[in-house]
Amino acid sequence: MAKVTVRVRNMMQMVNILLLQAIASADIIRDNTDKLKEAVFNAITMTQNVVTITAALQMAMAHQKKVIEAVKGVNKATEEMILAKRGPA
């Protein structure tokens, strides 16, 4: 009977060790999940900021293009007026 008692005790110790390992593994998984959630949130936030900045830059560049075209138009009109006042060359 003593052998059976020892075997049962050893099995109980193994079960306790496995239980502790399972608990530790669950804690690690929970911590990793929390870190992953934070990383995904940060990635989404960063992407939103990049999209916002990109849209603002695109709008500014489109405005600059319109201004450049307007300046070119004024320069051409001025050149034509100057040439018209000088008469034929």
PDB file of N, CA and C in Angstrom:
ATOM      1  N   MET A   1       0.815  -1.188   0.000  1.00  0.00           N
ATOM      2  CA  MET A   1       0.000   0.000   0.000  1.00  0.00           C
ATOM      3  C   MET A   1       0.863   1.257   0.000  1.00  0.00           C
ATOM      4  N   ALA A   2       2.048   1.186   0.565  1.00  0.00           N
ATOM      5  CA  ALA A   2       2.934   2.334   0.642  1.00  0.00           C
ATOM      6  C   ALA A   2       3.365   2.776  -0.746  1.00  0.00           C
ATOM      7  N   LYS A   3       3.579   1.816  -1.647  1.00  0.00           N
ATOM      8  CA  LYS A   3       3.972   2.162  -3.009  1.00  0.00           C
ATOM      9  C   LYS A   3       2.855   2.927  -3.712  1.00  0.00           C
ATOM     10  N   VAL A   4       1.646   2.506  -3.502  1.00  0.00           N
ATOM     11  CA  VAL A   4       0.509   3.175  -4.119  1.00  0.00           C
ATOM     12  C   VAL A   4       0.391   4.610  -3.581  1.00  0.00           C
ATOM     13  N   THR A   5       0.578   4.760  -2.285  1.00  0.00           N
ATOM     14  CA  THR A   5       0.512   6.085  -1.668  1.00  0.00           C
ATOM     15  C   THR A   5       1.590   6.991  -2.241  1.00  0.00           C
ATOM     16  N   VAL A   6       2.801   6.466  -2.387  1.00  0.00           N
ATOM     17  CA  VAL A   6       3.903   7.249  -2.946  1.00  0.00           C
ATOM     18  C   VAL A   6       3.593   7.628  -4.391  1.00  0.00           C
ATOM     19  N   ARG A   7       3.046   6.681  -5.165  1.00  0.00           N
ATOM     20  CA  ARG A   7       2.728   6.953  -6.564  1.00  0.00           C
ATOM     21  C   ARG A   7       1.636   8.012  -6.676  1.00  0.00           C
ATOM     22  N   VAL A   8       0.633   7.907  -5.801  1.00  0.00           N
ATOM     23  CA  VAL A   8      -0.445   8.893  -5.819  1.00  0.00           C
ATOM     24  C   VAL A   8       0.098  10.262  -5.448  1.00  0.00           C
ATOM     25  N   ARG A   9       0.971  10.316  -4.437  1.00  0.00           N
ATOM     26  CA  ARG A   9       1.571  11.590  -4.024  1.00  0.00           C
ATOM     27  C   ARG A   9       2.398  12.180  -5.158  1.00  0.00           C
ATOM     28  N   ASN A  10       3.195  11.327  -5.832  1.00  0.00           N
ATOM     29  CA  ASN A  10       4.014  11.799  -6.954  1.00  0.00           C
ATOM     30  C   ASN A  10       3.133  12.323  -8.094  1.00  0.00           C
ATOM     31  N   MET A  11       2.041  11.618  -8.370  1.00  0.00           N
ATOM     32  CA  MET A  11       1.132  12.064  -9.423  1.00  0.00           C
ATOM     33  C   MET A  11       0.471  13.386  -9.041  1.00  0.00           C
ATOM     34  N   MET A  12       0.114  13.545  -7.782  1.00  0.00           N
ATOM     35  CA  MET A  12      -0.485  14.796  -7.319  1.00  0.00           C
ATOM     36  C   MET A  12       0.508  15.952  -7.453  1.00  0.00           C
ATOM     37  N   GLN A  13       1.774  15.669  -7.126  1.00  0.00           N
ATOM     38  CA  GLN A  13       2.801  16.700  -7.283  1.00  0.00           C
ATOM     39  C   GLN A  13       2.955  17.081  -8.754  1.00  0.00           C
ATOM     40  N   MET A  14       2.913  16.074  -9.645  1.00  0.00           N
ATOM     41  CA  MET A  14       3.034  16.355 -11.082  1.00  0.00           C
ATOM     42  C   MET A  14       1.827  17.169 -11.559  1.00  0.00           C
ATOM     43  N   VAL A  15       0.647  16.820 -11.053  1.00  0.00           N
ATOM     44  CA  VAL A  15      -0.551  17.563 -11.440  1.00  0.00           C
ATOM     45  C   VAL A  15      -0.440  19.003 -10.961  1.00  0.00           C
ATOM     46  N   ASN A  16       0.041  19.222  -9.746  1.00  0.00           N
ATOM     47  CA  ASN A  16       0.225  20.574  -9.215  1.00  0.00           C
ATOM     48  C   ASN A  16       1.242  21.358 -10.046  1.00  0.00           C
ATOM     49  N   ILE A  17       2.327  20.701 -10.427  1.00  0.00           N
ATOM     50  CA  ILE A  17       3.348  21.365 -11.245  1.00  0.00           C
ATOM     51  C   ILE A  17       2.753  21.745 -12.600  1.00  0.00           C
ATOM     52  N   LEU A  18       2.010  20.828 -13.212  1.00  0.00           N
ATOM     53  CA  LEU A  18       1.378  21.115 -14.498  1.00  0.00           C
ATOM     54  C   LEU A  18       0.365  22.249 -14.369  1.00  0.00           C
ATOM     55  N   LEU A  19      -0.373  22.274 -13.277  1.00  0.00           N
ATOM     56  CA  LEU A  19      -1.333  23.334 -13.052  1.00  0.00           C
ATOM     57  C   LEU A  19      -0.628  24.687 -12.931  1.00  0.00           C
ATOM     58  N   LEU A  20       0.471  24.722 -12.191  1.00  0.00           N
ATOM     59  CA  LEU A  20       1.229  25.964 -12.054  1.00  0.00           C
ATOM     60  C   LEU A  20       1.794  26.417 -13.400  1.00  0.00           C
ATOM     61  N   GLN A  21       2.266  25.461 -14.203  1.00  0.00           N
ATOM     62  CA  GLN A  21       2.769  25.806 -15.526  1.00  0.00           C
ATOM     63  C   GLN A  21       1.645  26.336 -16.421  1.00  0.00           C
ATOM     64  N   ALA A  22       0.481  25.748 -16.311  1.00  0.00           N
ATOM     65  CA  ALA A  22      -0.660  26.214 -17.106  1.00  0.00           C
ATOM     66  C   ALA A  22      -1.057  27.630 -16.696  1.00  0.00           C
ATOM     67  N   ILE A  23      -1.058  27.897 -15.409  1.00  0.00           N
ATOM     68  CA  ILE A  23      -1.391  29.234 -14.919  1.00  0.00           C
ATOM     69  C   ILE A  23      -0.355  30.245 -15.400  1.00  0.00           C
ATOM     70  N   ALA A  24       0.924  29.872 -15.307  1.00  0.00           N
ATOM     71  CA  ALA A  24       1.988  30.764 -15.775  1.00  0.00           C
ATOM     72  C   ALA A  24       1.855  31.016 -17.276  1.00  0.00           C
ATOM     73  N   SER A  25       1.540  29.981 -18.035  1.00  0.00           N
ATOM     74  CA  SER A  25       1.364  30.132 -19.483  1.00  0.00           C
ATOM     75  C   SER A  25       0.181  31.053 -19.791  1.00  0.00           C
ATOM     76  N   ALA A  26      -0.898  30.897 -19.055  1.00  0.00           N
ATOM     77  CA  ALA A  26      -2.066  31.754 -19.265  1.00  0.00           C
ATOM     78  C   ALA A  26      -1.725  33.203 -18.952  1.00  0.00           C
ATOM     79  N   ASP A  27      -0.943  33.444 -17.920  1.00  0.00           N
ATOM     80  CA  ASP A  27      -0.520  34.808 -17.588  1.00  0.00           C
ATOM     81  C   ASP A  27       0.331  35.405 -18.707  1.00  0.00           C
ATOM     82  N   ILE A  28       1.240  34.615 -19.246  1.00  0.00           N
ATOM     83  CA  ILE A  28       2.091  35.090 -20.339  1.00  0.00           C
ATOM     84  C   ILE A  28       1.236  35.416 -21.562  1.00  0.00           C
ATOM     85  N   ILE A  29       0.281  34.535 -21.865  1.00  0.00           N
ATOM     86  CA  ILE A  29      -0.593  34.766 -23.020  1.00  0.00           C
ATOM     87  C   ILE A  29      -1.416  36.026 -22.807  1.00  0.00           C
ATOM     88  N   ARG A  30      -1.932  36.222 -21.595  1.00  0.00           N
ATOM     89  CA  ARG A  30      -2.729  37.418 -21.306  1.00  0.00           C
ATOM     90  C   ARG A  30      -1.872  38.677 -21.450  1.00  0.00           C
ATOM     91  N   ASP A  31      -0.648  38.639 -20.919  1.00  0.00           N
ATOM     92  CA  ASP A  31       0.258  39.796 -21.046  1.00  0.00           C
ATOM     93  C   ASP A  31       0.573  40.085 -22.521  1.00  0.00           C
ATOM     94  N   ASN A  32       0.854  39.035 -23.284  1.00  0.00           N
ATOM     95  CA  ASN A  32       1.158  39.220 -24.703  1.00  0.00           C
ATOM     96  C   ASN A  32      -0.047  39.767 -25.465  1.00  0.00           C
ATOM     97  N   THR A  33      -1.232  39.316 -25.091  1.00  0.00           N
ATOM     98  CA  THR A  33      -2.446  39.823 -25.728  1.00  0.00           C
ATOM     99  C   THR A  33      -2.619  41.305 -25.436  1.00  0.00           C
ATOM    100  N   ASP A  34      -2.375  41.703 -24.196  1.00  0.00           N
ATOM    101  CA  ASP A  34      -2.474  43.126 -23.846  1.00  0.00           C
ATOM    102  C   ASP A  34      -1.470  43.961 -24.642  1.00  0.00           C
ATOM    103  N   LYS A  35      -0.248  43.457 -24.752  1.00  0.00           N
ATOM    104  CA  LYS A  35       0.774  44.176 -25.521  1.00  0.00           C
ATOM    105  C   LYS A  35       0.395  44.246 -26.996  1.00  0.00           C
ATOM    106  N   LEU A  36      -0.179  43.167 -27.516  1.00  0.00           N
ATOM    107  CA  LEU A  36      -0.597  43.151 -28.912  1.00  0.00           C
ATOM    108  C   LEU A  36      -1.726  44.153 -29.141  1.00  0.00           C
ATOM    109  N   LYS A  37      -2.690  44.214 -28.223  1.00  0.00           N
ATOM    110  CA  LYS A  37      -3.777  45.195 -28.335  1.00  0.00           C
ATOM    111  C   LYS A  37      -3.206  46.613 -28.370  1.00  0.00           C
ATOM    112  N   GLU A  38      -2.261  46.883 -27.499  1.00  0.00           N
ATOM    113  CA  GLU A  38      -1.648  48.213 -27.451  1.00  0.00           C
ATOM    114  C   GLU A  38      -0.913  48.513 -28.754  1.00  0.00           C
ATOM    115  N   ALA A  39      -0.193  47.525 -29.283  1.00  0.00           N
ATOM    116  CA  ALA A  39       0.547  47.725 -30.533  1.00  0.00           C
ATOM    117  C   ALA A  39      -0.412  47.993 -31.694  1.00  0.00           C
ATOM    118  N   VAL A  40      -1.528  47.273 -31.740  1.00  0.00           N
ATOM    119  CA  VAL A  40      -2.511  47.490 -32.801  1.00  0.00           C
ATOM    120  C   VAL A  40      -3.120  48.879 -32.667  1.00  0.00           C
ATOM    121  N   PHE A  41      -3.459  49.282 -31.440  1.00  0.00           N
ATOM    122  CA  PHE A  41      -4.013  50.618 -31.215  1.00  0.00           C
ATOM    123  C   PHE A  41      -3.022  51.684 -31.666  1.00  0.00           C
ATOM    124  N   ASN A  42      -1.748  51.517 -31.313  1.00  0.00           N
ATOM    125  CA  ASN A  42      -0.725  52.481 -31.722  1.00  0.00           C
ATOM    126  C   ASN A  42      -0.577  52.523 -33.241  1.00  0.00           C
ATOM    127  N   ALA A  43      -0.640  51.368 -33.882  1.00  0.00           N
ATOM    128  CA  ALA A  43      -0.525  51.321 -35.346  1.00  0.00           C
ATOM    129  C   ALA A  43      -1.706  52.035 -36.001  1.00  0.00           C
ATOM    130  N   ILE A  44      -2.907  51.818 -35.458  1.00  0.00           N
ATOM    131  CA  ILE A  44      -4.087  52.487 -36.014  1.00  0.00           C
ATOM    132  C   ILE A  44      -3.967  53.993 -35.830  1.00  0.00           C
ATOM    133  N   THR A  45      -3.555  54.414 -34.637  1.00  0.00           N
ATOM    134  CA  THR A  45      -3.407  55.842 -34.360  1.00  0.00           C
ATOM    135  C   THR A  45      -2.370  56.466 -35.286  1.00  0.00           C
ATOM    136  N   MET A  46      -1.249  55.791 -35.452  1.00  0.00           N
ATOM    137  CA  MET A  46      -0.185  56.296 -36.324  1.00  0.00           C
ATOM    138  C   MET A  46      -0.687  56.393 -37.762  1.00  0.00           C
ATOM    139  N   THR A  47      -1.412  55.391 -38.218  1.00  0.00           N
ATOM    140  CA  THR A  47      -1.937  55.400 -39.581  1.00  0.00           C
ATOM    141  C   THR A  47      -2.914  56.553 -39.777  1.00  0.00           C
ATOM    142  N   GLN A  48      -3.775  56.778 -38.788  1.00  0.00           N
ATOM    143  CA  GLN A  48      -4.715  57.902 -38.886  1.00  0.00           C
ATOM    144  C   GLN A  48      -3.959  59.220 -38.981  1.00  0.00           C
ATOM    145  N   ASN A  49      -2.920  59.379 -38.182  1.00  0.00           N
ATOM    146  CA  ASN A  49      -2.132  60.611 -38.226  1.00  0.00           C
ATOM    147  C   ASN A  49      -1.443  60.779 -39.570  1.00  0.00           C
ATOM    148  N   VAL A  50      -0.893  59.706 -40.095  1.00  0.00           N
ATOM    149  CA  VAL A  50      -0.214  59.772 -41.392  1.00  0.00           C
ATOM    150  C   VAL A  50      -1.202  60.146 -42.495  1.00  0.00           C
ATOM    151  N   VAL A  51      -2.384  59.549 -42.459  1.00  0.00           N
ATOM    152  CA  VAL A  51      -3.395  59.862 -43.473  1.00  0.00           C
ATOM    153  C   VAL A  51      -3.810  61.330 -43.373  1.00  0.00           C
ATOM    154  N   THR A  52      -4.006  61.821 -42.154  1.00  0.00           N
ATOM    155  CA  THR A  52      -4.382  63.221 -41.960  1.00  0.00           C
ATOM    156  C   THR A  52      -3.308  64.158 -42.490  1.00  0.00           C
ATOM    157  N   ILE A  53      -2.069  63.887 -42.149  1.00  0.00           N
ATOM    158  CA  ILE A  53      -0.956  64.735 -42.595  1.00  0.00           C
ATOM    159  C   ILE A  53      -0.813  64.662 -44.114  1.00  0.00           C
ATOM    160  N   THR A  54      -0.945  63.465 -44.667  1.00  0.00           N
ATOM    161  CA  THR A  54      -0.831  63.304 -46.120  1.00  0.00           C
ATOM    162  C   THR A  54      -1.930  64.089 -46.841  1.00  0.00           C
ATOM    163  N   ALA A  55      -3.139  64.027 -46.310  1.00  0.00           N
ATOM    164  CA  ALA A  55      -4.246  64.771 -46.928  1.00  0.00           C
ATOM    165  C   ALA A  55      -3.987  66.275 -46.859  1.00  0.00           C
ATOM    166  N   ALA A  56      -3.486  66.743 -45.715  1.00  0.00           N
ATOM    167  CA  ALA A  56      -3.190  68.177 -45.580  1.00  0.00           C
ATOM    168  C   ALA A  56      -2.094  68.596 -46.551  1.00  0.00           C
ATOM    169  N   LEU A  57      -1.057  67.777 -46.680  1.00  0.00           N
ATOM    170  CA  LEU A  57       0.019  68.089 -47.629  1.00  0.00           C
ATOM    171  C   LEU A  57      -0.494  68.106 -49.068  1.00  0.00           C
ATOM    172  N   GLN A  58      -1.344  67.153 -49.408  1.00  0.00           N
ATOM    173  CA  GLN A  58      -1.889  67.095 -50.763  1.00  0.00           C
ATOM    174  C   GLN A  58      -2.717  68.340 -51.054  1.00  0.00           C
ATOM    175  N   MET A  59      -3.525  68.762 -50.094  1.00  0.00           N
ATOM    176  CA  MET A  59      -4.331  69.970 -50.288  1.00  0.00           C
ATOM    177  C   MET A  59      -3.442  71.200 -50.439  1.00  0.00           C
ATOM    178  N   ALA A  60      -2.397  71.288 -49.612  1.00  0.00           N
ATOM    179  CA  ALA A  60      -1.484  72.432 -49.699  1.00  0.00           C
ATOM    180  C   ALA A  60      -0.766  72.456 -51.048  1.00  0.00           C
ATOM    181  N   MET A  61      -0.343  71.291 -51.503  1.00  0.00           N
ATOM    182  CA  MET A  61       0.356  71.236 -52.789  1.00  0.00           C
ATOM    183  C   MET A  61      -0.583  71.573 -53.940  1.00  0.00           C
ATOM    184  N   ALA A  62      -1.848  71.138 -53.858  1.00  0.00           N
ATOM    185  CA  ALA A  62      -2.821  71.488 -54.901  1.00  0.00           C
ATOM    186  C   ALA A  62      -3.039  72.996 -54.916  1.00  0.00           C
ATOM    187  N   HIS A  63      -3.098  73.613 -53.737  1.00  0.00           N
ATOM    188  CA  HIS A  63      -3.251  75.065 -53.656  1.00  0.00           C
ATOM    189  C   HIS A  63      -2.030  75.765 -54.252  1.00  0.00           C
ATOM    190  N   GLN A  64      -0.845  75.274 -53.923  1.00  0.00           N
ATOM    191  CA  GLN A  64       0.380  75.856 -54.476  1.00  0.00           C
ATOM    192  C   GLN A  64       0.379  75.757 -55.997  1.00  0.00           C
ATOM    193  N   LYS A  65      -0.090  74.632 -56.515  1.00  0.00           N
ATOM    194  CA  LYS A  65      -0.129  74.460 -57.976  1.00  0.00           C
ATOM    195  C   LYS A  65      -1.050  75.506 -58.607  1.00  0.00           C
ATOM    196  N   LYS A  66      -2.201  75.740 -57.970  1.00  0.00           N
ATOM    197  CA  LYS A  66      -3.118  76.765 -58.487  1.00  0.00           C
ATOM    198  C   LYS A  66      -2.472  78.146 -58.451  1.00  0.00           C
ATOM    199  N   VAL A  67      -1.759  78.444 -57.376  1.00  0.00           N
ATOM    200  CA  VAL A  67      -1.087  79.743 -57.260  1.00  0.00           C
ATOM    201  C   VAL A  67      -0.005  79.875 -58.324  1.00  0.00           C
ATOM    202  N   ILE A  68       0.749  78.824 -58.539  1.00  0.00           N
ATOM    203  CA  ILE A  68       1.807  78.853 -59.568  1.00  0.00           C
ATOM    204  C   ILE A  68       1.191  79.087 -60.939  1.00  0.00           C
ATOM    205  N   GLU A  69       0.090  78.391 -61.224  1.00  0.00           N
ATOM    206  CA  GLU A  69      -0.568  78.581 -62.516  1.00  0.00           C
ATOM    207  C   GLU A  69      -1.092  80.015 -62.651  1.00  0.00           C
ATOM    208  N   ALA A  70      -1.621  80.575 -61.564  1.00  0.00           N
ATOM    209  CA  ALA A  70      -2.101  81.958 -61.601  1.00  0.00           C
ATOM    210  C   ALA A  70      -0.945  82.927 -61.847  1.00  0.00           C
ATOM    211  N   VAL A  71       0.178  82.707 -61.191  1.00  0.00           N
ATOM    212  CA  VAL A  71       1.357  83.568 -61.390  1.00  0.00           C
ATOM    213  C   VAL A  71       1.849  83.459 -62.823  1.00  0.00           C
ATOM    214  N   LYS A  72       1.860  82.240 -63.363  1.00  0.00           N
ATOM    215  CA  LYS A  72       2.268  82.072 -64.759  1.00  0.00           C
ATOM    216  C   LYS A  72       1.321  82.836 -65.688  1.00  0.00           C
ATOM    217  N   GLY A  73       0.032  82.762 -65.383  1.00  0.00           N
ATOM    218  CA  GLY A  73      -0.941  83.485 -66.198  1.00  0.00           C
ATOM    219  C   GLY A  73      -0.725  84.982 -66.139  1.00  0.00           C
ATOM    220  N   VAL A  74      -0.478  85.520 -64.954  1.00  0.00           N
ATOM    221  CA  VAL A  74      -0.215  86.959 -64.805  1.00  0.00           C
ATOM    222  C   VAL A  74       1.059  87.333 -65.549  1.00  0.00           C
ATOM    223  N   ASN A  75       2.093  86.538 -65.401  1.00  0.00           N
ATOM    224  CA  ASN A  75       3.359  86.812 -66.102  1.00  0.00           C
ATOM    225  C   ASN A  75       3.163  86.822 -67.622  1.00  0.00           C
ATOM    226  N   LYS A  76       2.371  85.849 -68.116  1.00  0.00           N
ATOM    227  CA  LYS A  76       2.144  85.793 -69.558  1.00  0.00           C
ATOM    228  C   LYS A  76       1.340  87.012 -70.024  1.00  0.00           C
ATOM    229  N   ALA A  77       0.320  87.373 -69.242  1.00  0.00           N
ATOM    230  CA  ALA A  77      -0.485  88.544 -69.600  1.00  0.00           C
ATOM    231  C   ALA A  77       0.364  89.807 -69.580  1.00  0.00           C
ATOM    232  N   THR A  78       1.225  89.933 -68.590  1.00  0.00           N
ATOM    233  CA  THR A  78       2.107  91.091 -68.502  1.00  0.00           C
ATOM    234  C   THR A  78       3.052  91.133 -69.694  1.00  0.00           C
ATOM    235  N   GLU A  79       3.607  89.992 -70.026  1.00  0.00           N
ATOM    236  CA  GLU A  79       4.514  89.911 -71.174  1.00  0.00           C
ATOM    237  C   GLU A  79       3.790  90.308 -72.458  1.00  0.00           C
ATOM    238  N   GLU A  80       2.566  89.828 -72.621  1.00  0.00           N
ATOM    239  CA  GLU A  80       1.802  90.158 -73.829  1.00  0.00           C
ATOM    240  C   GLU A  80       1.492  91.651 -73.888  1.00  0.00           C
ATOM    241  N   MET A  81       1.165  92.257 -72.745  1.00  0.00           N
ATOM    242  CA  MET A  81       0.902  93.711 -72.717  1.00  0.00           C
ATOM    243  C   MET A  81       2.145  94.503 -73.076  1.00  0.00           C
ATOM    244  N   ILE A  82       3.288  94.075 -72.533  1.00  0.00           N
ATOM    245  CA  ILE A  82       4.549  94.776 -72.830  1.00  0.00           C
ATOM    246  C   ILE A  82       4.874  94.648 -74.315  1.00  0.00           C
ATOM    247  N   LEU A  83       4.728  93.458 -74.858  1.00  0.00           N
ATOM    248  CA  LEU A  83       5.015  93.254 -76.274  1.00  0.00           C
ATOM    249  C   LEU A  83       4.049  94.024 -77.161  1.00  0.00           C
ATOM    250  N   ALA A  84       2.782  94.116 -76.724  1.00  0.00           N
ATOM    251  CA  ALA A  84       1.777  94.852 -77.513  1.00  0.00           C
ATOM    252  C   ALA A  84       2.073  96.359 -77.521  1.00  0.00           C
ATOM    253  N   LYS A  85       2.570  96.893 -76.441  1.00  0.00           N
ATOM    254  CA  LYS A  85       2.889  98.323 -76.378  1.00  0.00           C
ATOM    255  C   LYS A  85       4.125  98.655 -77.184  1.00  0.00           C
ATOM    256  N   ARG A  86       5.034  97.726 -77.298  1.00  0.00           N
ATOM    257  CA  ARG A  86       6.272  97.982 -78.047  1.00  0.00           C
ATOM    258  C   ARG A  86       6.002  97.967 -79.544  1.00  0.00           C
ATOM    259  N   GLY A  87       5.002  97.242 -79.911  1.00  0.00           N
ATOM    260  CA  GLY A  87       4.717  97.152 -81.347  1.00  0.00           C
ATOM    261  C   GLY A  87       5.531  96.035 -81.982  1.00  0.00           C
ATOM    262  N   PRO A  88       5.400  95.897 -83.263  1.00  0.00           N
ATOM    263  CA  PRO A  88       6.133  94.813 -83.950  1.00  0.00           C
ATOM    264  C   PRO A  88       7.637  95.052 -83.865  1.00  0.00           C
ATOM    265  N   ALA A  89       8.329  93.979 -83.756  1.00  0.00           N
ATOM    266  CA  ALA A  89       9.781  94.087 -83.621  1.00  0.00           C
ATOM    267  C   ALA A  89      10.481  94.324 -84.912  1.00  0.00           C
TER     268      ALA A  89
END
